[in-house]
Amino acid sequence: MVNIKDGNVIENSNDNPETEFRKKRWYHRRDVRFVGLVIAFVLFFQSYGFVTGPSRISDKLSGAMASGQEKIDILIWAKFPAEAFHMELYQTLGAIRGELDGAVRLGRVKPQDIKFLSRKYWIEKIDLAPPEKS
């Protein structure tokens, strides 16, 4: 069957709209929407850390970081007890020196690593550690 529509010849077409195949747009595909949703979630999650991270660093620690010290001793309070993953992260950033008032004492940490650590959602507060008693 030949159909002439708008001056164009369309061969083998039906006037029945139920049998016509409608091509979906790329943005209507379910997999594209899913990937877009995952990307949006990851961007939101990372943005949350960048926005809230500086508020987790105490004023004393911010002053010590701004003074130009290369390595700083810190106290880290987490929202829940540290597991093996958290301890491994602590060990890569500095030397674990025990616990003080529910906080993990971490020694010889670089200022950029403190900023990295503050962006973690499970960190509640980071403060400057008091000097160790000899």
N, C-alpha and C. Protein backbone atom coordinates (compact mmCIF):
# COMPACT_ATOMS: atom_id res chain seq x y z
N MET A 1 0.83 -1.16 0.00
CA MET A 1 0.00 0.00 0.00
C MET A 1 0.89 1.24 0.00
N VAL A 2 0.56 2.19 -0.85
CA VAL A 2 1.32 3.43 -0.96
C VAL A 2 0.46 4.55 -0.39
N ASN A 3 1.10 5.38 0.44
CA ASN A 3 0.40 6.48 1.07
C ASN A 3 1.16 7.77 0.78
N ILE A 4 0.44 8.77 0.32
CA ILE A 4 1.08 10.05 0.06
C ILE A 4 0.65 11.01 1.17
N LYS A 5 1.66 11.51 1.88
CA LYS A 5 1.38 12.40 3.00
C LYS A 5 2.31 13.60 2.88
N ASP A 6 1.81 14.79 2.89
CA ASP A 6 2.60 16.02 2.80
C ASP A 6 3.51 16.03 1.58
N GLY A 7 3.07 15.44 0.52
CA GLY A 7 3.86 15.45 -0.69
C GLY A 7 4.93 14.37 -0.72
N ASN A 8 5.09 13.59 0.34
CA ASN A 8 6.08 12.51 0.39
C ASN A 8 5.39 11.18 0.22
N VAL A 9 6.04 10.30 -0.47
CA VAL A 9 5.49 8.97 -0.69
C VAL A 9 6.02 8.05 0.40
N ILE A 10 5.11 7.42 1.12
CA ILE A 10 5.47 6.47 2.16
C ILE A 10 4.94 5.12 1.71
N GLU A 11 5.85 4.19 1.48
CA GLU A 11 5.44 2.88 1.02
C GLU A 11 5.12 1.98 2.20
N ASN A 12 4.19 1.09 1.99
CA ASN A 12 3.79 0.08 2.97
C ASN A 12 3.43 0.68 4.33
N SER A 13 2.66 1.74 4.33
CA SER A 13 2.23 2.30 5.61
C SER A 13 0.75 2.07 5.79
N ASN A 14 0.35 1.95 7.02
CA ASN A 14 -1.06 1.79 7.36
C ASN A 14 -1.57 3.08 7.97
N ASP A 15 -2.83 3.30 7.88
CA ASP A 15 -3.43 4.45 8.53
C ASP A 15 -3.80 4.12 9.98
N ASN A 16 -3.56 2.89 10.37
CA ASN A 16 -3.88 2.45 11.71
C ASN A 16 -2.76 2.88 12.67
N PRO A 17 -3.01 3.79 13.63
CA PRO A 17 -1.95 4.26 14.52
C PRO A 17 -1.46 3.19 15.50
N GLU A 18 -2.25 2.15 15.73
CA GLU A 18 -1.82 1.11 16.66
C GLU A 18 -0.67 0.29 16.12
N THR A 19 -0.54 0.20 14.83
CA THR A 19 0.53 -0.61 14.24
C THR A 19 1.77 0.20 13.92
N GLU A 20 1.69 1.51 14.03
CA GLU A 20 2.86 2.34 13.74
C GLU A 20 3.85 2.24 14.89
N PHE A 21 5.11 2.17 14.54
CA PHE A 21 6.18 2.11 15.54
C PHE A 21 6.64 3.53 15.82
N ARG A 22 6.58 3.92 17.09
CA ARG A 22 7.05 5.25 17.47
C ARG A 22 8.43 5.11 18.10
N LYS A 23 9.36 5.84 17.54
CA LYS A 23 10.73 5.80 18.04
C LYS A 23 10.83 6.63 19.32
N LYS A 24 11.40 6.03 20.37
CA LYS A 24 11.57 6.74 21.64
C LYS A 24 12.76 7.67 21.55
N ARG A 25 12.63 8.78 22.22
CA ARG A 25 13.75 9.70 22.34
C ARG A 25 14.75 9.11 23.30
N TRP A 26 16.02 9.51 23.20
CA TRP A 26 17.06 8.93 24.05
C TRP A 26 16.84 9.26 25.52
N TYR A 27 16.25 10.40 25.80
CA TYR A 27 16.05 10.79 27.20
C TYR A 27 14.81 10.15 27.83
N HIS A 28 14.05 9.41 27.06
CA HIS A 28 12.91 8.66 27.62
C HIS A 28 13.28 7.23 27.97
N ARG A 29 14.47 6.83 27.63
CA ARG A 29 14.89 5.45 27.91
C ARG A 29 15.11 5.26 29.41
N ARG A 30 14.69 4.11 29.90
CA ARG A 30 14.79 3.82 31.33
C ARG A 30 16.24 3.74 31.80
N ASP A 31 17.14 3.15 31.00
CA ASP A 31 18.54 3.03 31.42
C ASP A 31 19.23 4.40 31.47
N VAL A 32 18.89 5.30 30.56
CA VAL A 32 19.48 6.64 30.57
C VAL A 32 19.01 7.40 31.80
N ARG A 33 17.74 7.26 32.14
CA ARG A 33 17.22 7.91 33.34
C ARG A 33 17.88 7.35 34.60
N PHE A 34 18.09 6.04 34.64
CA PHE A 34 18.74 5.42 35.81
C PHE A 34 20.17 5.93 35.97
N VAL A 35 20.93 5.96 34.88
CA VAL A 35 22.31 6.45 34.95
C VAL A 35 22.33 7.92 35.37
N GLY A 36 21.41 8.70 34.85
CA GLY A 36 21.31 10.11 35.25
C GLY A 36 20.99 10.26 36.72
N LEU A 37 20.12 9.41 37.24
CA LEU A 37 19.78 9.44 38.66
C LEU A 37 20.97 9.06 39.53
N VAL A 38 21.73 8.06 39.12
CA VAL A 38 22.93 7.65 39.87
C VAL A 38 23.96 8.78 39.87
N ILE A 39 24.18 9.40 38.73
CA ILE A 39 25.13 10.52 38.64
C ILE A 39 24.68 11.67 39.54
N ALA A 40 23.39 11.98 39.54
CA ALA A 40 22.88 13.05 40.39
C ALA A 40 23.07 12.72 41.87
N PHE A 41 22.85 11.47 42.25
CA PHE A 41 23.04 11.06 43.64
C PHE A 41 24.50 11.19 44.06
N VAL A 42 25.42 10.73 43.23
CA VAL A 42 26.85 10.81 43.56
C VAL A 42 27.28 12.27 43.66
N LEU A 43 26.83 13.11 42.75
CA LEU A 43 27.17 14.54 42.81
C LEU A 43 26.63 15.18 44.09
N PHE A 44 25.40 14.83 44.47
CA PHE A 44 24.82 15.37 45.71
C PHE A 44 25.62 14.90 46.92
N PHE A 45 25.97 13.63 46.94
CA PHE A 45 26.72 13.05 48.06
C PHE A 45 28.08 13.73 48.22
N GLN A 46 28.79 13.92 47.12
CA GLN A 46 30.09 14.58 47.17
C GLN A 46 29.95 16.06 47.53
N SER A 47 28.94 16.71 47.01
CA SER A 47 28.71 18.13 47.32
C SER A 47 28.42 18.31 48.80
N TYR A 48 27.67 17.39 49.38
CA TYR A 48 27.35 17.45 50.81
C TYR A 48 28.64 17.48 51.63
N GLY A 49 29.60 16.64 51.28
CA GLY A 49 30.87 16.62 52.00
C GLY A 49 31.65 17.91 51.86
N PHE A 50 31.67 18.47 50.66
CA PHE A 50 32.40 19.73 50.44
C PHE A 50 31.74 20.90 51.17
N VAL A 51 30.42 20.89 51.26
CA VAL A 51 29.71 21.99 51.91
C VAL A 51 29.80 21.89 53.43
N THR A 52 29.61 20.69 53.98
CA THR A 52 29.57 20.54 55.44
C THR A 52 30.93 20.23 56.06
N GLY A 53 31.92 19.87 55.27
CA GLY A 53 33.23 19.50 55.80
C GLY A 53 33.92 20.55 56.64
N PRO A 54 34.00 21.80 56.18
CA PRO A 54 34.69 22.82 56.98
C PRO A 54 34.05 23.06 58.35
N SER A 55 32.76 22.82 58.48
CA SER A 55 32.10 23.04 59.78
C SER A 55 32.49 21.99 60.81
N ARG A 56 33.06 20.90 60.39
CA ARG A 56 33.48 19.84 61.31
C ARG A 56 34.87 20.11 61.91
N ILE A 57 35.60 21.03 61.35
CA ILE A 57 36.94 21.37 61.84
C ILE A 57 36.81 22.49 62.87
N SER A 58 37.38 22.28 64.06
CA SER A 58 37.27 23.29 65.13
C SER A 58 38.08 24.54 64.78
N ASP A 59 37.78 25.61 65.50
CA ASP A 59 38.49 26.88 65.27
C ASP A 59 39.97 26.78 65.63
N LYS A 60 40.27 26.06 66.71
CA LYS A 60 41.68 25.89 67.10
C LYS A 60 42.45 25.15 66.02
N LEU A 61 41.83 24.12 65.46
CA LEU A 61 42.49 23.34 64.41
C LEU A 61 42.63 24.17 63.14
N SER A 62 41.62 24.94 62.81
CA SER A 62 41.72 25.82 61.62
C SER A 62 42.88 26.80 61.76
N GLY A 63 43.05 27.33 62.97
CA GLY A 63 44.17 28.24 63.22
C GLY A 63 45.51 27.56 63.08
N ALA A 64 45.61 26.32 63.57
CA ALA A 64 46.86 25.56 63.45
C ALA A 64 47.15 25.23 61.99
N MET A 65 46.11 24.93 61.22
CA MET A 65 46.30 24.63 59.80
C MET A 65 46.75 25.88 59.04
N ALA A 66 46.18 27.02 59.40
CA ALA A 66 46.52 28.28 58.73
C ALA A 66 47.92 28.77 59.10
N SER A 67 48.43 28.33 60.25
CA SER A 67 49.75 28.79 60.69
C SER A 67 50.88 28.17 59.88
N GLY A 68 50.58 27.16 59.08
CA GLY A 68 51.59 26.58 58.20
C GLY A 68 52.30 25.36 58.76
N GLN A 69 51.79 24.78 59.82
CA GLN A 69 52.40 23.55 60.34
C GLN A 69 52.29 22.44 59.30
N GLU A 70 53.36 21.67 59.16
CA GLU A 70 53.35 20.59 58.17
C GLU A 70 52.54 19.40 58.64
N LYS A 71 52.68 19.04 59.90
CA LYS A 71 51.95 17.89 60.44
C LYS A 71 51.36 18.28 61.79
N ILE A 72 50.11 17.84 62.01
CA ILE A 72 49.36 18.25 63.19
C ILE A 72 48.79 17.01 63.88
N ASP A 73 48.75 17.02 65.21
CA ASP A 73 48.08 15.97 65.98
C ASP A 73 46.62 16.39 66.17
N ILE A 74 45.70 15.45 65.88
CA ILE A 74 44.28 15.78 65.94
C ILE A 74 43.50 14.74 66.74
N LEU A 75 42.30 15.13 67.15
CA LEU A 75 41.32 14.24 67.76
C LEU A 75 40.13 14.16 66.82
N ILE A 76 39.65 12.93 66.58
CA ILE A 76 38.55 12.71 65.64
C ILE A 76 37.39 12.04 66.37
N TRP A 77 36.23 12.69 66.35
CA TRP A 77 35.01 12.09 66.87
C TRP A 77 34.18 11.62 65.69
N ALA A 78 33.77 10.36 65.71
CA ALA A 78 32.94 9.80 64.65
C ALA A 78 31.51 9.65 65.16
N LYS A 79 30.57 9.52 64.24
CA LYS A 79 29.16 9.36 64.61
C LYS A 79 28.87 7.97 65.16
N PHE A 80 29.76 7.02 64.92
CA PHE A 80 29.60 5.66 65.42
C PHE A 80 30.97 5.07 65.64
N PRO A 81 31.07 3.97 66.38
CA PRO A 81 32.39 3.38 66.66
C PRO A 81 33.12 3.01 65.37
N ALA A 82 34.42 3.22 65.39
CA ALA A 82 35.24 2.95 64.20
C ALA A 82 35.34 1.46 63.92
N GLU A 83 35.20 1.10 62.67
CA GLU A 83 35.37 -0.28 62.20
C GLU A 83 36.73 -0.39 61.51
N ALA A 84 37.00 -1.56 60.97
CA ALA A 84 38.30 -1.81 60.33
C ALA A 84 38.56 -0.82 59.18
N PHE A 85 37.54 -0.53 58.38
CA PHE A 85 37.70 0.40 57.26
C PHE A 85 38.15 1.77 57.75
N HIS A 86 37.51 2.26 58.82
CA HIS A 86 37.84 3.59 59.35
C HIS A 86 39.26 3.61 59.90
N MET A 87 39.63 2.55 60.60
CA MET A 87 40.98 2.48 61.16
C MET A 87 42.04 2.45 60.05
N GLU A 88 41.76 1.73 58.96
CA GLU A 88 42.70 1.71 57.84
C GLU A 88 42.86 3.10 57.24
N LEU A 89 41.76 3.82 57.12
CA LEU A 89 41.83 5.19 56.60
C LEU A 89 42.63 6.08 57.55
N TYR A 90 42.39 5.95 58.84
CA TYR A 90 43.16 6.71 59.82
C TYR A 90 44.66 6.41 59.68
N GLN A 91 44.99 5.14 59.53
CA GLN A 91 46.40 4.74 59.45
C GLN A 91 47.07 5.26 58.19
N THR A 92 46.34 5.39 57.10
CA THR A 92 46.94 5.93 55.88
C THR A 92 47.19 7.44 56.00
N LEU A 93 46.41 8.12 56.84
CA LEU A 93 46.54 9.57 56.98
C LEU A 93 47.51 9.99 58.07
N GLY A 94 47.70 9.14 59.06
CA GLY A 94 48.59 9.50 60.17
C GLY A 94 48.83 8.29 61.06
N ALA A 95 49.36 8.56 62.25
CA ALA A 95 49.67 7.49 63.21
C ALA A 95 48.62 7.50 64.32
N ILE A 96 47.93 6.38 64.50
CA ILE A 96 46.95 6.27 65.57
C ILE A 96 47.68 6.21 66.89
N ARG A 97 47.30 7.10 67.80
CA ARG A 97 47.99 7.18 69.09
C ARG A 97 47.05 6.92 70.26
N GLY A 98 45.97 6.24 70.02
CA GLY A 98 45.07 5.87 71.11
C GLY A 98 43.74 6.60 71.05
N GLU A 99 43.07 6.57 72.22
CA GLU A 99 41.74 7.16 72.32
C GLU A 99 41.71 8.12 73.50
N LEU A 100 40.97 9.20 73.35
CA LEU A 100 40.87 10.20 74.40
C LEU A 100 39.45 10.76 74.40
N ASP A 101 38.71 10.51 75.48
CA ASP A 101 37.33 11.01 75.63
C ASP A 101 36.43 10.62 74.45
N GLY A 102 36.51 9.40 73.99
CA GLY A 102 35.67 8.92 72.90
C GLY A 102 36.15 9.32 71.52
N ALA A 103 37.30 9.95 71.45
CA ALA A 103 37.86 10.38 70.16
C ALA A 103 39.12 9.59 69.87
N VAL A 104 39.38 9.37 68.61
CA VAL A 104 40.61 8.71 68.19
C VAL A 104 41.68 9.79 68.05
N ARG A 105 42.83 9.56 68.65
CA ARG A 105 43.95 10.50 68.55
C ARG A 105 44.81 10.08 67.36
N LEU A 106 44.99 10.99 66.44
CA LEU A 106 45.75 10.72 65.22
C LEU A 106 46.90 11.72 65.16
N GLY A 107 48.11 11.21 65.03
CA GLY A 107 49.29 12.07 65.03
C GLY A 107 49.89 12.24 63.65
N ARG A 108 50.58 13.36 63.47
CA ARG A 108 51.34 13.67 62.26
C ARG A 108 50.46 13.63 60.99
N VAL A 109 49.37 14.40 61.02
CA VAL A 109 48.44 14.45 59.89
C VAL A 109 48.68 15.75 59.13
N LYS A 110 48.74 15.65 57.80
CA LYS A 110 48.93 16.83 56.94
C LYS A 110 47.62 17.63 56.87
N PRO A 111 47.70 18.95 56.74
CA PRO A 111 46.48 19.78 56.66
C PRO A 111 45.54 19.38 55.52
N GLN A 112 46.07 19.02 54.36
CA GLN A 112 45.18 18.62 53.26
C GLN A 112 44.47 17.30 53.57
N ASP A 113 45.10 16.44 54.38
CA ASP A 113 44.44 15.20 54.79
C ASP A 113 43.34 15.47 55.81
N ILE A 114 43.51 16.50 56.62
CA ILE A 114 42.46 16.88 57.57
C ILE A 114 41.23 17.37 56.80
N LYS A 115 41.44 18.15 55.76
CA LYS A 115 40.32 18.61 54.93
C LYS A 115 39.63 17.43 54.26
N PHE A 116 40.42 16.47 53.76
CA PHE A 116 39.87 15.26 53.14
C PHE A 116 39.03 14.49 54.15
N LEU A 117 39.53 14.34 55.35
CA LEU A 117 38.84 13.58 56.39
C LEU A 117 37.57 14.29 56.84
N SER A 118 37.57 15.61 56.85
CA SER A 118 36.39 16.36 57.29
C SER A 118 35.21 16.20 56.34
N ARG A 119 35.47 15.82 55.09
CA ARG A 119 34.40 15.66 54.11
C ARG A 119 33.68 14.32 54.23
N LYS A 120 34.15 13.44 55.09
CA LYS A 120 33.50 12.14 55.28
C LYS A 120 32.23 12.32 56.10
N TYR A 121 31.14 11.69 55.67
CA TYR A 121 29.85 11.89 56.34
C TYR A 121 29.83 11.34 57.75
N TRP A 122 30.68 10.38 58.07
CA TRP A 122 30.66 9.74 59.38
C TRP A 122 31.52 10.46 60.41
N ILE A 123 32.18 11.53 60.02
CA ILE A 123 32.98 12.33 60.95
C ILE A 123 32.06 13.38 61.58
N GLU A 124 32.08 13.43 62.91
CA GLU A 124 31.26 14.41 63.62
C GLU A 124 32.03 15.69 63.90
N LYS A 125 33.28 15.54 64.35
CA LYS A 125 34.07 16.71 64.73
C LYS A 125 35.55 16.35 64.68
N ILE A 126 36.39 17.32 64.32
CA ILE A 126 37.84 17.16 64.34
C ILE A 126 38.41 18.36 65.10
N ASP A 127 39.26 18.06 66.07
CA ASP A 127 39.82 19.12 66.92
C ASP A 127 41.32 18.93 67.05
N LEU A 128 41.99 19.98 67.46
CA LEU A 128 43.42 19.94 67.73
C LEU A 128 43.66 19.13 69.00
N ALA A 129 44.59 18.19 68.95
CA ALA A 129 44.88 17.35 70.11
C ALA A 129 45.76 18.12 71.09
N PRO A 130 45.52 17.92 72.38
CA PRO A 130 46.40 18.55 73.37
C PRO A 130 47.78 17.92 73.32
N PRO A 131 48.80 18.62 73.76
CA PRO A 131 50.15 18.04 73.74
C PRO A 131 50.22 16.77 74.59
N GLU A 132 51.02 15.82 74.12
CA GLU A 132 51.16 14.56 74.85
C GLU A 132 52.00 14.78 76.10
N LYS A 133 51.61 14.07 77.16
CA LYS A 133 52.37 14.15 78.41
C LYS A 133 53.56 13.21 78.32
N SER A 134 54.71 13.67 78.72
CA SER A 134 55.93 12.86 78.65
C SER A 134 56.06 11.95 79.84
